[in-house]
């Protein structure tokens, strides 16, 4: 039976080059790659994945932990993860926590015990909570002396040594608010994300900062906290309407809540954007399908997932870097009909 040395000899390359081609760990020229795969075919060389894992201390498996399968925010991220994993030769297992940190901890432990090579984690843990803080600190020391299991955080910066791929949530909120303010809106309600999560706090800070820079006093009566879901946006909008506070615009901390708020306004006979302008955050595809189409700030979700795999692959190869890496992705204002009659009205039927 042919071995890796036979393949290297047949292709006229080093064993390291064969390994790089087979494992997709380092880039190899197209010419050498063709030679290696031809030698593999000629010799009927087959790699034993179990044996390779035992020798290399790797399984080429990655665990991905997300809060929800049903939220429309995550499929595009998972698509990016999937495509990058295919490129780098990983298989991916995905786990749902339902936003429960205890479930998250269990899945982290399961992945560690399964000897997977790394974890991509969209965590709901709060560093201000003592027990969760201890858990966050533990994420930088998963595995054994023989096999460290690196973690890449999605959206959140977790502790001082965990790599992350994020967007600037506060800046994105300021962008949304800046758009409303530029249209002359000074009475702006906010449907906030849960404040127990860092994401929610950052988006609230962006709302407050934009008001302060515009010389507008923050009023807590103009704020209602949702839970990311459309129904919470609907219910919050009803609560805010019952307060009889004058307003001309609504900024919701994600698109799903913004869509719920729009439904509540329309149910009351309030025209959008003639009477009230509405903007969300993250730019999910349903925002193009509602009427009127929803203005938002785009988060590059596919890129977030893709970059997370690239960073994790780098960390698997370099388990003890000099410092952690945080990749910050750009966001972009998308103006649609919910804030301007001149806004984009094209459909997007993709993730």
Protein backbone atom coordinates (compact mmCIF):
# COMPACT_ATOMS: atom_id res chain seq x y z
CA UNK A 1 0.00 0.00 0.00
CA UNK A 2 1.40 3.40 -1.00
CA UNK A 3 2.33 5.89 1.71
CA UNK A 4 2.91 9.63 1.82
CA UNK A 5 6.62 9.14 1.03
CA UNK A 6 5.67 7.28 -2.18
CA UNK A 7 3.36 10.15 -3.18
CA UNK A 8 6.12 12.72 -2.54
CA UNK A 9 8.62 10.68 -4.55
CA UNK A 10 6.17 10.20 -7.45
CA UNK A 11 5.29 13.91 -7.55
CA UNK A 12 8.89 15.03 -7.12
CA UNK A 13 8.08 17.16 -4.08
CA UNK A 14 8.75 17.09 -0.36
CA UNK A 15 6.59 15.22 2.17
CA UNK A 16 5.72 18.62 3.68
CA UNK A 17 4.32 19.77 0.33
CA UNK A 18 2.15 16.64 0.07
CA UNK A 19 0.90 17.26 3.59
CA UNK A 20 0.10 20.91 2.81
CA UNK A 21 -1.88 19.89 -0.28
CA UNK A 22 -3.79 17.12 1.50
CA UNK A 23 -4.56 19.14 4.63
CA UNK A 24 -4.97 22.54 2.96
CA UNK A 25 -2.90 24.11 5.70
CA UNK A 26 -0.57 26.30 3.63
CA UNK A 27 -0.92 27.62 0.08
CA UNK A 28 0.82 25.57 -2.60
CA UNK A 29 1.30 26.61 -6.22
CA UNK A 30 -1.25 25.27 -8.70
CA UNK A 31 1.50 23.38 -10.56
CA UNK A 32 2.66 21.50 -7.45
CA UNK A 33 -0.92 20.82 -6.36
CA UNK A 34 -1.68 19.19 -9.72
CA UNK A 35 1.45 17.03 -9.42
CA UNK A 36 0.52 15.88 -5.92
CA UNK A 37 -3.08 14.98 -6.78
CA UNK A 38 -1.95 13.13 -9.92
CA UNK A 39 0.48 11.10 -7.81
CA UNK A 40 -2.30 10.39 -5.30
CA UNK A 41 -4.51 9.11 -8.13
CA UNK A 42 -1.76 7.08 -9.78
CA UNK A 43 -0.86 5.34 -6.53
CA UNK A 44 -4.44 5.03 -5.19
CA UNK A 45 -3.23 6.66 -2.01
CA UNK A 46 -5.86 6.90 0.72
CA UNK A 47 -5.53 8.91 3.91
CA UNK A 48 -6.78 7.32 7.10
CA UNK A 49 -8.43 10.30 8.86
CA UNK A 50 -8.40 8.61 12.27
CA UNK A 51 -4.75 7.69 12.00
CA UNK A 52 -3.89 11.14 10.69
CA UNK A 53 -5.71 12.69 13.63
CA UNK A 54 -3.82 10.56 16.11
CA UNK A 55 -0.46 11.43 14.54
CA UNK A 56 -1.12 15.13 14.07
CA UNK A 57 -3.17 15.60 17.25
CA UNK A 58 -5.93 17.05 15.03
CA UNK A 59 -9.37 15.86 13.96
CA UNK A 60 -10.11 18.60 11.40
CA UNK A 61 -13.42 19.16 13.20
CA UNK A 62 -14.67 22.49 14.53
CA UNK A 63 -17.56 23.19 16.89
CA UNK A 64 -19.75 26.26 16.30
CA UNK A 65 -22.02 27.50 19.10
CA UNK A 66 -24.78 30.02 18.34
CA UNK A 67 -27.72 31.29 20.42
CA UNK A 68 -30.41 30.44 17.87
CA UNK A 69 -31.11 28.59 14.64
CA UNK A 70 -34.36 30.49 14.13
CA UNK A 71 -33.01 34.05 14.21
CA UNK A 72 -32.51 35.21 10.63
CA UNK A 73 -29.23 36.84 11.65
CA UNK A 74 -27.23 33.60 11.90
CA UNK A 75 -27.74 31.65 8.62
CA UNK A 76 -25.51 34.04 6.64
CA UNK A 77 -22.81 33.73 9.30
CA UNK A 78 -23.09 29.94 9.19
CA UNK A 79 -22.85 30.03 5.39
CA UNK A 80 -19.58 31.95 5.66
CA UNK A 81 -18.32 29.44 8.22
CA UNK A 82 -19.31 26.54 5.96
CA UNK A 83 -17.59 27.88 2.84
CA UNK A 84 -14.37 28.74 4.68
CA UNK A 85 -14.37 25.38 6.46
CA UNK A 86 -14.63 23.61 3.09
CA UNK A 87 -11.66 25.61 1.84
CA UNK A 88 -9.50 24.83 4.87
CA UNK A 89 -10.50 21.17 5.10
CA UNK A 90 -12.65 21.24 8.25
CA UNK A 91 -15.96 19.64 9.05
CA UNK A 92 -18.29 21.69 11.23
CA UNK A 93 -20.76 20.76 13.96
CA UNK A 94 -23.24 23.48 15.02
CA UNK A 95 -24.95 23.73 18.42
CA UNK A 96 -27.81 25.96 19.58
CA UNK A 97 -27.92 27.37 23.13
CA UNK A 98 -31.28 29.19 22.99
CA UNK A 99 -29.42 32.11 24.57
CA UNK A 100 -28.78 30.06 27.74
CA UNK A 101 -25.25 30.40 29.10
CA UNK A 102 -25.48 27.09 30.97
CA UNK A 103 -26.24 25.34 27.66
CA UNK A 104 -23.31 27.20 26.16
CA UNK A 105 -20.99 25.89 28.88
CA UNK A 106 -22.18 22.31 28.30
CA UNK A 107 -21.50 22.53 24.58
CA UNK A 108 -18.04 23.99 25.15
CA UNK A 109 -17.26 21.06 27.43
CA UNK A 110 -18.70 18.58 24.93
CA UNK A 111 -16.53 19.99 22.14
CA UNK A 112 -13.48 19.85 24.39
CA UNK A 113 -14.18 16.20 25.28
CA UNK A 114 -14.76 15.40 21.60
CA UNK A 115 -11.21 16.53 20.87
CA UNK A 116 -12.28 18.98 18.19
CA UNK A 117 -9.64 21.38 16.90
CA UNK A 118 -11.36 24.66 17.76
CA UNK A 119 -14.51 26.53 18.71
CA UNK A 120 -16.36 29.46 17.13
CA UNK A 121 -18.57 30.95 19.80
CA UNK A 122 -21.36 33.53 19.67
CA UNK A 123 -21.56 33.90 23.43
CA UNK A 124 -24.28 35.43 25.57
CA UNK A 125 -22.07 35.36 28.66
CA UNK A 126 -21.80 38.63 30.59
CA UNK A 127 -18.39 39.48 32.06
CA UNK A 128 -20.09 41.61 34.74
CA UNK A 129 -21.69 38.47 36.18
CA UNK A 130 -19.20 36.81 38.56
CA UNK A 131 -19.92 33.17 37.64
CA UNK A 132 -20.01 33.97 33.94
CA UNK A 133 -16.81 35.98 34.26
CA UNK A 134 -15.00 32.90 35.55
CA UNK A 135 -16.36 30.91 32.62
CA UNK A 136 -15.20 33.58 30.13
CA UNK A 137 -11.70 33.52 31.60
CA UNK A 138 -11.65 29.72 31.30
CA UNK A 139 -12.22 29.91 27.54
CA UNK A 140 -8.58 30.84 27.01
CA UNK A 141 -7.43 27.56 28.57
CA UNK A 142 -9.49 24.82 26.93
CA UNK A 143 -7.86 21.48 26.22
CA UNK A 144 -4.78 19.76 27.59
CA UNK A 145 -1.03 20.32 27.49
CA UNK A 146 -0.91 18.09 24.41
CA UNK A 147 -3.83 19.71 22.61
CA UNK A 148 -5.03 23.26 23.15
CA UNK A 149 -8.45 24.11 21.71
CA UNK A 150 -8.59 27.75 20.61
CA UNK A 151 -11.76 29.83 20.68
CA UNK A 152 -12.80 32.60 18.30
CA UNK A 153 -15.60 34.82 19.53
CA UNK A 154 -18.26 36.20 17.19
CA UNK A 155 -19.62 39.72 17.81
CA UNK A 156 -18.24 40.02 21.34
CA UNK A 157 -14.80 40.63 22.79
CA UNK A 158 -14.52 37.99 25.53
CA UNK A 159 -11.70 38.58 27.98
CA UNK A 160 -8.18 39.79 27.18
CA UNK A 161 -6.90 36.69 25.38
CA UNK A 162 -9.79 35.41 23.23
CA UNK A 163 -9.57 36.10 19.48
CA UNK A 164 -12.67 37.73 18.00
CA UNK A 165 -14.38 38.84 14.80
CA UNK A 166 -16.69 41.77 15.51
CA UNK A 167 -18.42 44.85 14.23
CA UNK A 168 -18.45 48.11 16.14
CA UNK A 169 -21.95 47.98 17.59
CA UNK A 170 -21.82 51.44 19.15
CA UNK A 171 -20.63 52.99 15.90
CA UNK A 172 -23.34 51.14 13.94
CA UNK A 173 -26.01 52.52 16.28
CA UNK A 174 -24.55 56.01 15.87
CA UNK A 175 -24.75 55.55 12.08
CA UNK A 176 -28.44 54.65 12.29
CA UNK A 177 -29.14 57.58 14.59
CA UNK A 178 -27.08 59.92 12.42
CA UNK A 179 -29.29 59.05 9.46
CA UNK A 180 -32.47 59.90 11.38
CA UNK A 181 -30.98 63.11 12.75
CA UNK A 182 -29.84 64.16 9.27
CA UNK A 183 -33.47 63.91 8.16
CA UNK A 184 -34.47 66.40 10.85
CA UNK A 185 -35.81 63.95 13.44
CA UNK A 186 -35.19 65.16 17.00
CA UNK A 187 -37.78 63.05 18.85
CA UNK A 188 -36.47 59.50 18.42
CA UNK A 189 -37.68 56.45 20.34
CA UNK A 190 -35.40 53.47 20.92
CA UNK A 191 -36.35 49.81 21.11
CA UNK A 192 -33.24 48.40 22.73
CA UNK A 193 -31.57 45.02 22.73
CA UNK A 194 -31.32 43.20 26.09
CA UNK A 195 -29.08 45.24 28.37
CA UNK A 196 -27.72 42.14 30.09
CA UNK A 197 -25.74 41.52 26.89
CA UNK A 198 -22.74 43.63 25.91
CA UNK A 199 -24.19 44.06 22.40
CA UNK A 200 -27.31 45.65 23.86
CA UNK A 201 -25.29 48.03 26.02
CA UNK A 202 -23.10 49.13 23.13
CA UNK A 203 -26.09 49.84 20.89
CA UNK A 204 -27.72 51.80 23.71
CA UNK A 205 -24.50 53.80 24.13
CA UNK A 206 -24.58 54.60 20.42
CA UNK A 207 -28.15 55.88 20.76
CA UNK A 208 -27.23 58.06 23.75
CA UNK A 209 -24.01 59.37 22.19
CA UNK A 210 -25.80 60.42 19.01
CA UNK A 211 -28.40 62.32 21.05
CA UNK A 212 -25.73 64.01 23.14
CA UNK A 213 -23.72 65.11 20.10
CA UNK A 214 -26.92 66.56 18.62
CA UNK A 215 -27.61 68.46 21.85
CA UNK A 216 -30.72 66.38 22.65
CA UNK A 217 -31.42 65.27 26.21
CA UNK A 218 -31.72 61.52 26.79
CA UNK A 219 -35.15 60.52 28.11
CA UNK A 220 -35.53 57.00 29.51
CA UNK A 221 -39.28 57.15 28.82
CA UNK A 222 -38.42 57.03 25.13
CA UNK A 223 -36.74 53.64 25.54
CA UNK A 224 -38.22 50.14 25.76
CA UNK A 225 -36.10 47.00 26.03
CA UNK A 226 -36.89 44.13 23.68
CA UNK A 227 -35.38 40.68 23.24
CA UNK A 228 -34.36 40.77 19.53
CA UNK A 229 -37.66 39.17 18.37
CA UNK A 230 -40.32 40.82 16.16
CA UNK A 231 -42.99 40.28 18.83
CA UNK A 232 -40.91 42.17 21.40
CA UNK A 233 -40.56 45.04 18.90
CA UNK A 234 -44.34 45.01 18.41
CA UNK A 235 -45.05 44.98 22.16
CA UNK A 236 -42.44 47.66 22.91
CA UNK A 237 -43.92 49.92 20.25
CA UNK A 238 -47.36 49.51 21.83
CA UNK A 239 -45.92 50.41 25.25
CA UNK A 240 -44.20 53.50 23.85
CA UNK A 241 -47.37 54.60 22.06
CA UNK A 242 -49.33 54.29 25.30
CA UNK A 243 -46.91 56.72 26.96
CA UNK A 244 -48.18 59.44 24.59
CA UNK A 245 -44.68 60.79 24.03
CA UNK A 246 -44.23 62.98 20.93
CA UNK A 247 -41.92 61.31 18.39
CA UNK A 248 -41.19 61.29 14.69
CA UNK A 249 -38.76 58.36 14.41
CA UNK A 250 -37.91 54.96 15.89
CA UNK A 251 -34.50 53.32 16.08
CA UNK A 252 -34.65 49.60 16.90
CA UNK A 253 -31.51 47.72 17.93
CA UNK A 254 -32.08 45.03 15.32
CA UNK A 255 -34.18 44.57 12.19
CA UNK A 256 -36.50 41.98 13.70
CA UNK A 257 -37.63 44.35 16.43
CA UNK A 258 -37.90 47.18 13.90
CA UNK A 259 -40.23 45.05 11.75
CA UNK A 260 -42.38 44.34 14.81
CA UNK A 261 -42.47 48.06 15.61
CA UNK A 262 -43.53 48.87 12.05
CA UNK A 263 -46.44 46.44 12.32
CA UNK A 264 -47.61 48.12 15.55
CA UNK A 265 -47.42 51.58 13.96
CA UNK A 266 -49.29 50.50 10.85
CA UNK A 267 -51.97 48.84 13.00
CA UNK A 268 -52.55 52.25 14.57
CA UNK A 269 -52.90 53.90 11.18
CA UNK A 270 -49.53 55.65 11.46
CA UNK A 271 -47.88 56.06 8.04
CA UNK A 272 -44.22 55.15 7.50
CA UNK A 273 -42.20 57.27 6.74
CA UNK A 274 -44.70 60.14 6.35
CA UNK A 275 -45.63 60.22 10.06
CA UNK A 276 -42.81 58.18 11.60
CA UNK A 277 -39.46 57.01 10.20
CA UNK A 278 -38.12 53.60 11.30
CA UNK A 279 -34.61 52.16 11.09
CA UNK A 280 -33.11 48.88 12.29
CA UNK A 281 -29.68 47.35 12.64
CA UNK A 282 -27.94 44.36 10.98
CA UNK A 283 -29.73 44.37 7.57
CA UNK A 284 -31.33 40.94 7.38
CA UNK A 285 -33.07 39.94 4.15
CA UNK A 286 -36.68 40.24 5.49
CA UNK A 287 -36.05 43.98 5.72
CA UNK A 288 -36.26 44.12 1.93
CA UNK A 289 -39.55 42.20 1.83
CA UNK A 290 -41.71 44.20 4.27
CA UNK A 291 -43.73 47.21 3.12
CA UNK A 292 -42.31 49.76 3.32
CA UNK A 293 -38.84 48.26 3.03
CA UNK A 294 -36.77 48.81 6.18
CA UNK A 295 -33.71 51.07 6.38
CA UNK A 296 -30.88 49.45 8.32
CA UNK A 297 -27.15 49.32 8.95
CA UNK A 298 -25.57 46.36 7.19
CA UNK A 299 -23.45 43.91 9.17
CA UNK A 300 -21.22 41.77 6.89
CA UNK A 301 -22.51 38.49 8.32
CA UNK A 302 -21.08 36.12 5.69
CA UNK A 303 -17.66 37.75 6.06
CA UNK A 304 -17.91 37.45 9.84
CA UNK A 305 -18.29 33.68 9.59
CA UNK A 306 -15.63 33.34 6.90
CA UNK A 307 -13.08 35.43 8.81
CA UNK A 308 -13.79 33.48 11.98
CA UNK A 309 -12.71 30.23 10.29
CA UNK A 310 -9.62 31.89 8.82
CA UNK A 311 -8.62 33.23 12.21
CA UNK A 312 -9.34 29.93 13.95
CA UNK A 313 -7.31 28.01 11.36
CA UNK A 314 -4.41 30.38 11.96
CA UNK A 315 -4.71 29.91 15.70
CA UNK A 316 -4.84 26.11 15.41
CA UNK A 317 -1.53 26.30 13.56
CA UNK A 318 -0.15 28.85 16.04
CA UNK A 319 -1.69 27.90 19.41
CA UNK A 320 0.32 30.37 21.51
CA UNK A 321 0.46 33.76 19.76
CA UNK A 322 2.17 36.78 21.29
CA UNK A 323 -1.19 38.57 21.49
CA UNK A 324 -4.80 37.94 20.64
CA UNK A 325 -6.29 39.08 17.35
CA UNK A 326 -9.50 41.12 16.99
CA UNK A 327 -10.83 41.58 13.45
CA UNK A 328 -13.20 44.55 13.14
CA UNK A 329 -15.47 44.50 10.08
CA UNK A 330 -17.02 47.60 8.53
CA UNK A 331 -20.74 48.37 8.63
CA UNK A 332 -22.71 50.39 6.08
CA UNK A 333 -25.92 52.42 6.09
CA UNK A 334 -28.63 51.05 3.78
CA UNK A 335 -31.42 53.58 3.13
CA UNK A 336 -34.81 52.14 2.20
CA UNK A 337 -38.42 53.33 2.12
CA UNK A 338 -39.04 53.31 5.90
CA UNK A 339 -37.00 56.50 6.27
CA UNK A 340 -36.99 58.04 2.78
CA UNK A 341 -39.24 57.89 -0.26
CA UNK A 342 -36.04 57.89 -2.33
CA UNK A 343 -34.74 54.79 -0.53
CA UNK A 344 -33.93 51.44 -2.13
CA UNK A 345 -36.91 49.16 -2.73
CA UNK A 346 -35.21 46.11 -4.26
CA UNK A 347 -35.95 42.64 -2.89
CA UNK A 348 -33.29 40.37 -1.50
CA UNK A 349 -34.39 36.74 -1.39
CA UNK A 350 -31.01 35.44 -0.19
CA UNK A 351 -29.64 35.12 3.30
